[in-house]
Amino acid sequence: MQTRKILRIGIVLAGVAVLLTPLPAGAQSCALCYTQAASSGARMMQALKSGILILIAPPTLGSIGLIVVLYRKRHQVRRTESDREAEFSGDTNPEKTGRREDW
């Protein structure tokens, strides 16, 4: 329960940080790209926009994939030898096994 509260606070703080960031800070770009884009025609502008989308897609999909894998594996933990012995003996006392069922 405590970790959820910390996670929520972290998400709220990250959101506030994004909202307080000045707009010009997100618009930084190299001068060469800016001058090329400004002096180009409509076809070049469309190619530049397509290129940006193509370059953004793989990292975004990779990040989403990593989040999905971590979400699905969130309850898997490495089991110790004492956990296995306690499981086979039928002992489910958390003080002996070191496990907590409410995690």
PDB file of N, CA and C in Angstrom:
ATOM      1  N   MET A   1       0.822  -1.183   0.000  1.00  0.00           N
ATOM      2  CA  MET A   1       0.000   0.000   0.000  1.00  0.00           C
ATOM      3  C   MET A   1       0.870   1.252   0.000  1.00  0.00           C
ATOM      4  N   GLN A   2       1.963   1.197   0.749  1.00  0.00           N
ATOM      5  CA  GLN A   2       2.877   2.328   0.840  1.00  0.00           C
ATOM      6  C   GLN A   2       3.526   2.606  -0.518  1.00  0.00           C
ATOM      7  N   THR A   3       3.865   1.561  -1.264  1.00  0.00           N
ATOM      8  CA  THR A   3       4.508   1.764  -2.561  1.00  0.00           C
ATOM      9  C   THR A   3       3.557   2.418  -3.553  1.00  0.00           C
ATOM     10  N   ARG A   4       2.281   2.101  -3.475  1.00  0.00           N
ATOM     11  CA  ARG A   4       1.308   2.743  -4.362  1.00  0.00           C
ATOM     12  C   ARG A   4       1.209   4.236  -4.077  1.00  0.00           C
ATOM     13  N   LYS A   5       1.268   4.580  -2.815  1.00  0.00           N
ATOM     14  CA  LYS A   5       1.201   5.994  -2.439  1.00  0.00           C
ATOM     15  C   LYS A   5       2.432   6.729  -2.966  1.00  0.00           C
ATOM     16  N   ILE A   6       3.587   6.123  -2.821  1.00  0.00           N
ATOM     17  CA  ILE A   6       4.820   6.732  -3.322  1.00  0.00           C
ATOM     18  C   ILE A   6       4.776   6.853  -4.841  1.00  0.00           C
ATOM     19  N   LEU A   7       4.252   5.812  -5.517  1.00  0.00           N
ATOM     20  CA  LEU A   7       4.133   5.843  -6.972  1.00  0.00           C
ATOM     21  C   LEU A   7       3.205   6.963  -7.424  1.00  0.00           C
ATOM     22  N   ARG A   8       2.094   7.127  -6.751  1.00  0.00           N
ATOM     23  CA  ARG A   8       1.160   8.203  -7.100  1.00  0.00           C
ATOM     24  C   ARG A   8       1.795   9.574  -6.907  1.00  0.00           C
ATOM     25  N   ILE A   9       2.503   9.740  -5.821  1.00  0.00           N
ATOM     26  CA  ILE A   9       3.174  11.019  -5.571  1.00  0.00           C
ATOM     27  C   ILE A   9       4.209  11.287  -6.657  1.00  0.00           C
ATOM     28  N   GLY A  10       4.955  10.257  -7.057  1.00  0.00           N
ATOM     29  CA  GLY A  10       5.949  10.414  -8.112  1.00  0.00           C
ATOM     30  C   GLY A  10       5.325  10.803  -9.436  1.00  0.00           C
ATOM     31  N   ILE A  11       4.196  10.185  -9.769  1.00  0.00           N
ATOM     32  CA  ILE A  11       3.512  10.511 -11.020  1.00  0.00           C
ATOM     33  C   ILE A  11       2.999  11.943 -10.996  1.00  0.00           C
ATOM     34  N   VAL A  12       2.447  12.357  -9.878  1.00  0.00           N
ATOM     35  CA  VAL A  12       1.950  13.729  -9.756  1.00  0.00           C
ATOM     36  C   VAL A  12       3.096  14.725  -9.875  1.00  0.00           C
ATOM     37  N   LEU A  13       4.221  14.445  -9.219  1.00  0.00           N
ATOM     38  CA  LEU A  13       5.370  15.354  -9.309  1.00  0.00           C
ATOM     39  C   LEU A  13       5.925  15.422 -10.725  1.00  0.00           C
ATOM     40  N   ALA A  14       5.966  14.289 -11.419  1.00  0.00           N
ATOM     41  CA  ALA A  14       6.431  14.286 -12.806  1.00  0.00           C
ATOM     42  C   ALA A  14       5.496  15.104 -13.691  1.00  0.00           C
ATOM     43  N   GLY A  15       4.199  14.972 -13.475  1.00  0.00           N
ATOM     44  CA  GLY A  15       3.233  15.752 -14.242  1.00  0.00           C
ATOM     45  C   GLY A  15       3.380  17.240 -14.002  1.00  0.00           C
ATOM     46  N   VAL A  16       3.580  17.605 -12.749  1.00  0.00           N
ATOM     47  CA  VAL A  16       3.762  19.020 -12.415  1.00  0.00           C
ATOM     48  C   VAL A  16       5.045  19.548 -13.060  1.00  0.00           C
ATOM     49  N   ALA A  17       6.104  18.735 -13.051  1.00  0.00           N
ATOM     50  CA  ALA A  17       7.369  19.162 -13.661  1.00  0.00           C
ATOM     51  C   ALA A  17       7.201  19.390 -15.161  1.00  0.00           C
ATOM     52  N   VAL A  18       6.449  18.517 -15.810  1.00  0.00           N
ATOM     53  CA  VAL A  18       6.215  18.675 -17.252  1.00  0.00           C
ATOM     54  C   VAL A  18       5.404  19.935 -17.525  1.00  0.00           C
ATOM     55  N   LEU A  19       4.394  20.180 -16.705  1.00  0.00           N
ATOM     56  CA  LEU A  19       3.560  21.356 -16.919  1.00  0.00           C
ATOM     57  C   LEU A  19       4.297  22.665 -16.632  1.00  0.00           C
ATOM     58  N   LEU A  20       5.261  22.629 -15.722  1.00  0.00           N
ATOM     59  CA  LEU A  20       5.994  23.850 -15.380  1.00  0.00           C
ATOM     60  C   LEU A  20       7.192  24.111 -16.292  1.00  0.00           C
ATOM     61  N   THR A  21       7.536  23.159 -17.142  1.00  0.00           N
ATOM     62  CA  THR A  21       8.654  23.343 -18.053  1.00  0.00           C
ATOM     63  C   THR A  21       8.265  24.380 -19.110  1.00  0.00           C
ATOM     64  N   PRO A  22       9.097  25.381 -19.331  1.00  0.00           N
ATOM     65  CA  PRO A  22       8.757  26.395 -20.336  1.00  0.00           C
ATOM     66  C   PRO A  22       8.730  25.799 -21.746  1.00  0.00           C
ATOM     67  N   LEU A  23       7.825  26.306 -22.577  1.00  0.00           N
ATOM     68  CA  LEU A  23       7.667  25.784 -23.925  1.00  0.00           C
ATOM     69  C   LEU A  23       8.932  25.866 -24.771  1.00  0.00           C
ATOM     70  N   PRO A  24       9.704  26.942 -24.738  1.00  0.00           N
ATOM     71  CA  PRO A  24      10.905  26.996 -25.563  1.00  0.00           C
ATOM     72  C   PRO A  24      11.923  25.902 -25.228  1.00  0.00           C
ATOM     73  N   ALA A  25      11.883  25.369 -24.007  1.00  0.00           N
ATOM     74  CA  ALA A  25      12.833  24.311 -23.639  1.00  0.00           C
ATOM     75  C   ALA A  25      12.572  23.046 -24.437  1.00  0.00           C
ATOM     76  N   GLY A  26      11.323  22.800 -24.806  1.00  0.00           N
ATOM     77  CA  GLY A  26      11.000  21.619 -25.595  1.00  0.00           C
ATOM     78  C   GLY A  26      11.201  21.823 -27.086  1.00  0.00           C
ATOM     79  N   ALA A  27      11.438  23.044 -27.515  1.00  0.00           N
ATOM     80  CA  ALA A  27      11.562  23.342 -28.938  1.00  0.00           C
ATOM     81  C   ALA A  27      13.012  23.525 -29.375  1.00  0.00           C
ATOM     82  N   GLN A  28      13.955  23.002 -28.627  1.00  0.00           N
ATOM     83  CA  GLN A  28      15.359  23.137 -28.997  1.00  0.00           C
ATOM     84  C   GLN A  28      15.650  22.271 -30.220  1.00  0.00           C
ATOM     85  N   SER A  29      16.339  22.810 -31.175  1.00  0.00           N
ATOM     86  CA  SER A  29      16.720  22.041 -32.359  1.00  0.00           C
ATOM     87  C   SER A  29      17.994  22.652 -32.935  1.00  0.00           C
ATOM     88  N   CYS A  30      18.627  21.895 -33.795  1.00  0.00           N
ATOM     89  CA  CYS A  30      19.872  22.412 -34.372  1.00  0.00           C
ATOM     90  C   CYS A  30      19.551  23.464 -35.440  1.00  0.00           C
ATOM     91  N   ALA A  31      20.440  24.388 -35.615  1.00  0.00           N
ATOM     92  CA  ALA A  31      20.221  25.490 -36.549  1.00  0.00           C
ATOM     93  C   ALA A  31      20.165  24.998 -37.988  1.00  0.00           C
ATOM     94  N   LEU A  32      20.956  23.986 -38.308  1.00  0.00           N
ATOM     95  CA  LEU A  32      20.975  23.470 -39.680  1.00  0.00           C
ATOM     96  C   LEU A  32      19.619  22.862 -40.042  1.00  0.00           C
ATOM     97  N   CYS A  33      19.053  22.077 -39.156  1.00  0.00           N
ATOM     98  CA  CYS A  33      17.739  21.476 -39.421  1.00  0.00           C
ATOM     99  C   CYS A  33      16.685  22.558 -39.584  1.00  0.00           C
ATOM    100  N   TYR A  34      16.748  23.557 -38.733  1.00  0.00           N
ATOM    101  CA  TYR A  34      15.763  24.636 -38.790  1.00  0.00           C
ATOM    102  C   TYR A  34      15.852  25.386 -40.114  1.00  0.00           C
ATOM    103  N   THR A  35      17.064  25.745 -40.537  1.00  0.00           N
ATOM    104  CA  THR A  35      17.205  26.504 -41.794  1.00  0.00           C
ATOM    105  C   THR A  35      16.831  25.648 -42.996  1.00  0.00           C
ATOM    106  N   GLN A  36      17.168  24.369 -42.977  1.00  0.00           N
ATOM    107  CA  GLN A  36      16.795  23.487 -44.081  1.00  0.00           C
ATOM    108  C   GLN A  36      15.282  23.348 -44.177  1.00  0.00           C
ATOM    109  N   ALA A  37      14.634  23.175 -43.048  1.00  0.00           N
ATOM    110  CA  ALA A  37      13.183  23.022 -43.047  1.00  0.00           C
ATOM    111  C   ALA A  37      12.493  24.314 -43.471  1.00  0.00           C
ATOM    112  N   ALA A  38      13.029  25.448 -43.058  1.00  0.00           N
ATOM    113  CA  ALA A  38      12.416  26.730 -43.396  1.00  0.00           C
ATOM    114  C   ALA A  38      12.560  27.056 -44.877  1.00  0.00           C
ATOM    115  N   SER A  39      13.653  26.613 -45.499  1.00  0.00           N
ATOM    116  CA  SER A  39      13.876  26.955 -46.906  1.00  0.00           C
ATOM    117  C   SER A  39      13.377  25.882 -47.866  1.00  0.00           C
ATOM    118  N   SER A  40      12.808  24.817 -47.370  1.00  0.00           N
ATOM    119  CA  SER A  40      12.377  23.726 -48.245  1.00  0.00           C
ATOM    120  C   SER A  40      10.926  23.898 -48.675  1.00  0.00           C
ATOM    121  N   GLY A  41      10.561  23.081 -49.643  1.00  0.00           N
ATOM    122  CA  GLY A  41       9.193  23.128 -50.161  1.00  0.00           C
ATOM    123  C   GLY A  41       8.267  22.201 -49.387  1.00  0.00           C
ATOM    124  N   ALA A  42       7.077  22.046 -49.934  1.00  0.00           N
ATOM    125  CA  ALA A  42       6.044  21.247 -49.260  1.00  0.00           C
ATOM    126  C   ALA A  42       6.426  19.764 -49.196  1.00  0.00           C
ATOM    127  N   ARG A  43       7.055  19.255 -50.286  1.00  0.00           N
ATOM    128  CA  ARG A  43       7.444  17.829 -50.295  1.00  0.00           C
ATOM    129  C   ARG A  43       8.503  17.544 -49.241  1.00  0.00           C
ATOM    130  N   MET A  44       9.443  18.450 -49.113  1.00  0.00           N
ATOM    131  CA  MET A  44      10.502  18.268 -48.125  1.00  0.00           C
ATOM    132  C   MET A  44       9.944  18.344 -46.709  1.00  0.00           C
ATOM    133  N   MET A  45       9.005  19.239 -46.488  1.00  0.00           N
ATOM    134  CA  MET A  45       8.385  19.341 -45.163  1.00  0.00           C
ATOM    135  C   MET A  45       7.650  18.050 -44.817  1.00  0.00           C
ATOM    136  N   GLN A  46       6.934  17.478 -45.805  1.00  0.00           N
ATOM    137  CA  GLN A  46       6.225  16.225 -45.567  1.00  0.00           C
ATOM    138  C   GLN A  46       7.219  15.094 -45.295  1.00  0.00           C
ATOM    139  N   ALA A  47       8.325  15.060 -46.023  1.00  0.00           N
ATOM    140  CA  ALA A  47       9.345  14.038 -45.799  1.00  0.00           C
ATOM    141  C   ALA A  47       9.967  14.180 -44.411  1.00  0.00           C
ATOM    142  N   LEU A  48      10.179  15.410 -43.981  1.00  0.00           N
ATOM    143  CA  LEU A  48      10.736  15.652 -42.653  1.00  0.00           C
ATOM    144  C   LEU A  48       9.769  15.183 -41.556  1.00  0.00           C
ATOM    145  N   LYS A  49       8.492  15.485 -41.731  1.00  0.00           N
ATOM    146  CA  LYS A  49       7.496  15.033 -40.759  1.00  0.00           C
ATOM    147  C   LYS A  49       7.414  13.510 -40.720  1.00  0.00           C
ATOM    148  N   SER A  50       7.457  12.873 -41.883  1.00  0.00           N
ATOM    149  CA  SER A  50       7.427  11.407 -41.936  1.00  0.00           C
ATOM    150  C   SER A  50       8.672  10.820 -41.277  1.00  0.00           C
ATOM    151  N   GLY A  51       9.812  11.435 -41.506  1.00  0.00           N
ATOM    152  CA  GLY A  51      11.053  10.969 -40.902  1.00  0.00           C
ATOM    153  C   GLY A  51      11.021  11.061 -39.386  1.00  0.00           C
ATOM    154  N   ILE A  52      10.441  12.127 -38.875  1.00  0.00           N
ATOM    155  CA  ILE A  52      10.321  12.278 -37.426  1.00  0.00           C
ATOM    156  C   ILE A  52       9.449  11.177 -36.850  1.00  0.00           C
ATOM    157  N   LEU A  53       8.336  10.889 -37.510  1.00  0.00           N
ATOM    158  CA  LEU A  53       7.455   9.822 -37.033  1.00  0.00           C
ATOM    159  C   LEU A  53       8.142   8.458 -37.086  1.00  0.00           C
ATOM    160  N   ILE A  54       8.894   8.218 -38.139  1.00  0.00           N
ATOM    161  CA  ILE A  54       9.594   6.939 -38.267  1.00  0.00           C
ATOM    162  C   ILE A  54      10.658   6.795 -37.178  1.00  0.00           C
ATOM    163  N   LEU A  55      11.347   7.880 -36.858  1.00  0.00           N
ATOM    164  CA  LEU A  55      12.372   7.821 -35.820  1.00  0.00           C
ATOM    165  C   LEU A  55      11.796   7.739 -34.410  1.00  0.00           C
ATOM    166  N   ILE A  56      10.578   8.211 -34.216  1.00  0.00           N
ATOM    167  CA  ILE A  56       9.963   8.163 -32.888  1.00  0.00           C
ATOM    168  C   ILE A  56       9.317   6.808 -32.611  1.00  0.00           C
ATOM    169  N   ALA A  57       8.863   6.103 -33.626  1.00  0.00           N
ATOM    170  CA  ALA A  57       8.105   4.858 -33.441  1.00  0.00           C
ATOM    171  C   ALA A  57       8.885   3.757 -32.707  1.00  0.00           C
ATOM    172  N   PRO A  58      10.117   3.393 -33.106  1.00  0.00           N
ATOM    173  CA  PRO A  58      10.792   2.276 -32.421  1.00  0.00           C
ATOM    174  C   PRO A  58      11.037   2.490 -30.928  1.00  0.00           C
ATOM    175  N   PRO A  59      11.536   3.653 -30.481  1.00  0.00           N
ATOM    176  CA  PRO A  59      11.713   3.809 -29.038  1.00  0.00           C
ATOM    177  C   PRO A  59      10.391   3.777 -28.267  1.00  0.00           C
ATOM    178  N   THR A  60       9.352   4.327 -28.870  1.00  0.00           N
ATOM    179  CA  THR A  60       8.049   4.322 -28.206  1.00  0.00           C
ATOM    180  C   THR A  60       7.528   2.899 -28.067  1.00  0.00           C
ATOM    181  N   LEU A  61       7.578   2.130 -29.140  1.00  0.00           N
ATOM    182  CA  LEU A  61       7.109   0.743 -29.093  1.00  0.00           C
ATOM    183  C   LEU A  61       7.966  -0.096 -28.149  1.00  0.00           C
ATOM    184  N   GLY A  62       9.266   0.145 -28.146  1.00  0.00           N
ATOM    185  CA  GLY A  62      10.141  -0.581 -27.227  1.00  0.00           C
ATOM    186  C   GLY A  62       9.824  -0.270 -25.781  1.00  0.00           C
ATOM    187  N   SER A  63       9.557   0.984 -25.478  1.00  0.00           N
ATOM    188  CA  SER A  63       9.207   1.372 -24.110  1.00  0.00           C
ATOM    189  C   SER A  63       7.880   0.754 -23.688  1.00  0.00           C
ATOM    190  N   ILE A  64       6.912   0.774 -24.574  1.00  0.00           N
ATOM    191  CA  ILE A  64       5.614   0.166 -24.266  1.00  0.00           C
ATOM    192  C   ILE A  64       5.773  -1.335 -24.052  1.00  0.00           C
ATOM    193  N   GLY A  65       6.568  -1.980 -24.903  1.00  0.00           N
ATOM    194  CA  GLY A  65       6.805  -3.417 -24.746  1.00  0.00           C
ATOM    195  C   GLY A  65       7.474  -3.738 -23.421  1.00  0.00           C
ATOM    196  N   LEU A  66       8.449  -2.957 -23.032  1.00  0.00           N
ATOM    197  CA  LEU A  66       9.136  -3.167 -21.758  1.00  0.00           C
ATOM    198  C   LEU A  66       8.178  -2.988 -20.578  1.00  0.00           C
ATOM    199  N   ILE A  67       7.329  -1.986 -20.650  1.00  0.00           N
ATOM    200  CA  ILE A  67       6.351  -1.763 -19.583  1.00  0.00           C
ATOM    201  C   ILE A  67       5.390  -2.938 -19.488  1.00  0.00           C
ATOM    202  N   VAL A  68       4.939  -3.456 -20.628  1.00  0.00           N
ATOM    203  CA  VAL A  68       4.018  -4.602 -20.618  1.00  0.00           C
ATOM    204  C   VAL A  68       4.694  -5.825 -20.004  1.00  0.00           C
ATOM    205  N   VAL A  69       5.942  -6.099 -20.388  1.00  0.00           N
ATOM    206  CA  VAL A  69       6.654  -7.256 -19.842  1.00  0.00           C
ATOM    207  C   VAL A  69       6.848  -7.097 -18.334  1.00  0.00           C
ATOM    208  N   LEU A  70       7.262  -5.929 -17.891  1.00  0.00           N
ATOM    209  CA  LEU A  70       7.450  -5.700 -16.457  1.00  0.00           C
ATOM    210  C   LEU A  70       6.135  -5.808 -15.694  1.00  0.00           C
ATOM    211  N   TYR A  71       5.051  -5.345 -16.290  1.00  0.00           N
ATOM    212  CA  TYR A  71       3.755  -5.439 -15.633  1.00  0.00           C
ATOM    213  C   TYR A  71       3.326  -6.894 -15.477  1.00  0.00           C
ATOM    214  N   ARG A  72       3.543  -7.691 -16.500  1.00  0.00           N
ATOM    215  CA  ARG A  72       3.152  -9.101 -16.435  1.00  0.00           C
ATOM    216  C   ARG A  72       4.036  -9.906 -15.487  1.00  0.00           C
ATOM    217  N   LYS A  73       5.276  -9.513 -15.331  1.00  0.00           N
ATOM    218  CA  LYS A  73       6.213 -10.253 -14.489  1.00  0.00           C
ATOM    219  C   LYS A  73       6.327  -9.673 -13.077  1.00  0.00           C
ATOM    220  N   ARG A  74       5.466  -8.754 -12.710  1.00  0.00           N
ATOM    221  CA  ARG A  74       5.615  -8.024 -11.448  1.00  0.00           C
ATOM    222  C   ARG A  74       5.506  -8.901 -10.212  1.00  0.00           C
ATOM    223  N   HIS A  75       4.842 -10.048 -10.299  1.00  0.00           N
ATOM    224  CA  HIS A  75       4.677 -10.896  -9.130  1.00  0.00           C
ATOM    225  C   HIS A  75       5.637 -12.070  -9.099  1.00  0.00           C
ATOM    226  N   GLN A  76       6.493 -12.192 -10.081  1.00  0.00           N
ATOM    227  CA  GLN A  76       7.458 -13.281 -10.083  1.00  0.00           C
ATOM    228  C   GLN A  76       8.674 -12.861  -9.274  1.00  0.00           C
ATOM    229  N   VAL A  77       9.057 -13.723  -8.366  1.00  0.00           N
ATOM    230  CA  VAL A  77      10.228 -13.453  -7.545  1.00  0.00           C
ATOM    231  C   VAL A  77      11.127 -14.679  -7.554  1.00  0.00           C
ATOM    232  N   ARG A  78      12.359 -14.478  -7.231  1.00  0.00           N
ATOM    233  CA  ARG A  78      13.286 -15.592  -7.128  1.00  0.00           C
ATOM    234  C   ARG A  78      12.998 -16.327  -5.828  1.00  0.00           C
ATOM    235  N   ARG A  79      12.791 -17.622  -5.932  1.00  0.00           N
ATOM    236  CA  ARG A  79      12.475 -18.422  -4.756  1.00  0.00           C
ATOM    237  C   ARG A  79      13.753 -19.016  -4.194  1.00  0.00           C
ATOM    238  N   THR A  80      13.843 -18.988  -2.885  1.00  0.00           N
ATOM    239  CA  THR A  80      15.017 -19.539  -2.217  1.00  0.00           C
ATOM    240  C   THR A  80      14.770 -20.998  -1.868  1.00  0.00           C
ATOM    241  N   GLU A  81      15.829 -21.669  -1.460  1.00  0.00           N
ATOM    242  CA  GLU A  81      15.727 -23.083  -1.111  1.00  0.00           C
ATOM    243  C   GLU A  81      14.806 -23.281   0.093  1.00  0.00           C
ATOM    244  N   SER A  82      14.842 -22.361   1.059  1.00  0.00           N
ATOM    245  CA  SER A  82      13.976 -22.502   2.235  1.00  0.00           C
ATOM    246  C   SER A  82      12.504 -22.360   1.848  1.00  0.00           C
ATOM    247  N   ASP A  83      12.201 -21.534   0.833  1.00  0.00           N
ATOM    248  CA  ASP A  83      10.826 -21.422   0.360  1.00  0.00           C
ATOM    249  C   ASP A  83      10.348 -22.743  -0.227  1.00  0.00           C
ATOM    250  N   ARG A  84      11.193 -23.370  -1.008  1.00  0.00           N
ATOM    251  CA  ARG A  84      10.821 -24.651  -1.620  1.00  0.00           C
ATOM    252  C   ARG A  84      10.622 -25.729  -0.565  1.00  0.00           C
ATOM    253  N   GLU A  85      11.522 -25.767   0.429  1.00  0.00           N
ATOM    254  CA  GLU A  85      11.396 -26.763   1.496  1.00  0.00           C
ATOM    255  C   GLU A  85      10.109 -26.540   2.284  1.00  0.00           C
ATOM    256  N   ALA A  86       9.790 -25.295   2.574  1.00  0.00           N
ATOM    257  CA  ALA A  86       8.573 -24.995   3.328  1.00  0.00           C
ATOM    258  C   ALA A  86       7.337 -25.360   2.514  1.00  0.00           C
ATOM    259  N   GLU A  87       7.407 -25.173   1.212  1.00  0.00           N
ATOM    260  CA  GLU A  87       6.273 -25.507   0.360  1.00  0.00           C
ATOM    261  C   GLU A  87       6.026 -27.011   0.346  1.00  0.00           C
ATOM    262  N   PHE A  88       7.093 -27.791   0.253  1.00  0.00           N
ATOM    263  CA  PHE A  88       6.950 -29.241   0.217  1.00  0.00           C
ATOM    264  C   PHE A  88       6.553 -29.800   1.578  1.00  0.00           C
ATOM    265  N   SER A  89       6.947 -29.151   2.666  1.00  0.00           N
ATOM    266  CA  SER A  89       6.597 -29.645   3.989  1.00  0.00           C
ATOM    267  C   SER A  89       5.185 -29.224   4.400  1.00  0.00           C
ATOM    268  N   GLY A  90       4.587 -28.330   3.648  1.00  0.00           N
ATOM    269  CA  GLY A  90       3.242 -27.874   3.958  1.00  0.00           C
ATOM    270  C   GLY A  90       3.215 -26.745   4.956  1.00  0.00           C
ATOM    271  N   ASP A  91       4.368 -26.237   5.340  1.00  0.00           N
ATOM    272  CA  ASP A  91       4.441 -25.152   6.307  1.00  0.00           C
ATOM    273  C   ASP A  91       4.231 -23.824   5.588  1.00  0.00           C
ATOM    274  N   THR A  92       3.201 -23.100   5.972  1.00  0.00           N
ATOM    275  CA  THR A  92       2.923 -21.811   5.332  1.00  0.00           C
ATOM    276  C   THR A  92       3.043 -20.657   6.312  1.00  0.00           C
ATOM    277  N   ASN A  93       3.701 -20.867   7.423  1.00  0.00           N
ATOM    278  CA  ASN A  93       3.898 -19.815   8.403  1.00  0.00           C
ATOM    279  C   ASN A  93       4.870 -18.782   7.835  1.00  0.00           C
ATOM    280  N   PRO A  94       4.429 -17.524   7.644  1.00  0.00           N
ATOM    281  CA  PRO A  94       5.316 -16.526   7.032  1.00  0.00           C
ATOM    282  C   PRO A  94       6.549 -16.221   7.857  1.00  0.00           C
ATOM    283  N   GLU A  95       6.488 -16.454   9.171  1.00  0.00           N
ATOM    284  CA  GLU A  95       7.671 -16.191   9.994  1.00  0.00           C
ATOM    285  C   GLU A  95       8.769 -17.205   9.707  1.00  0.00           C
ATOM    286  N   LYS A  96       8.395 -18.423   9.350  1.00  0.00           N
ATOM    287  CA  LYS A  96       9.392 -19.455   9.048  1.00  0.00           C
ATOM    288  C   LYS A  96       9.877 -19.374   7.610  1.00  0.00           C
ATOM    289  N   THR A  97       8.971 -19.061   6.692  1.00  0.00           N
ATOM    290  CA  THR A  97       9.340 -19.046   5.272  1.00  0.00           C
ATOM    291  C   THR A  97       9.900 -17.715   4.836  1.00  0.00           C
ATOM    292  N   GLY A  98       9.636 -16.650   5.581  1.00  0.00           N
ATOM    293  CA  GLY A  98      10.137 -15.338   5.190  1.00  0.00           C
ATOM    294  C   GLY A  98       9.288 -14.679   4.108  1.00  0.00           C
ATOM    295  N   ARG A  99       8.144 -15.276   3.788  1.00  0.00           N
ATOM    296  CA  ARG A  99       7.270 -14.723   2.759  1.00  0.00           C
ATOM    297  C   ARG A  99       6.081 -14.058   3.402  1.00  0.00           C
ATOM    298  N   ARG A 100       5.586 -13.047   2.730  1.00  0.00           N
ATOM    299  CA  ARG A 100       4.352 -12.405   3.164  1.00  0.00           C
ATOM    300  C   ARG A 100       3.328 -12.568   2.050  1.00  0.00           C
ATOM    301  N   GLU A 101       2.178 -13.043   2.388  1.00  0.00           N
ATOM    302  CA  GLU A 101       1.145 -13.305   1.386  1.00  0.00           C
ATOM    303  C   GLU A 101       0.428 -12.031   0.924  1.00  0.00           C
ATOM    304  N   ASP A 102       0.552 -10.950   1.676  1.00  0.00           N
ATOM    305  CA  ASP A 102      -0.182  -9.730   1.320  1.00  0.00           C
ATOM    306  C   ASP A 102       0.613  -8.802   0.395  1.00  0.00           C
ATOM    307  N   TRP A 103       1.716  -9.251  -0.137  1.00  0.00           N
ATOM    308  CA  TRP A 103       2.495  -8.413  -1.068  1.00  0.00           C
ATOM    309  C   TRP A 103       1.818  -8.326  -2.354  1.00  0.00           C
TER     310      TRP A 103
END
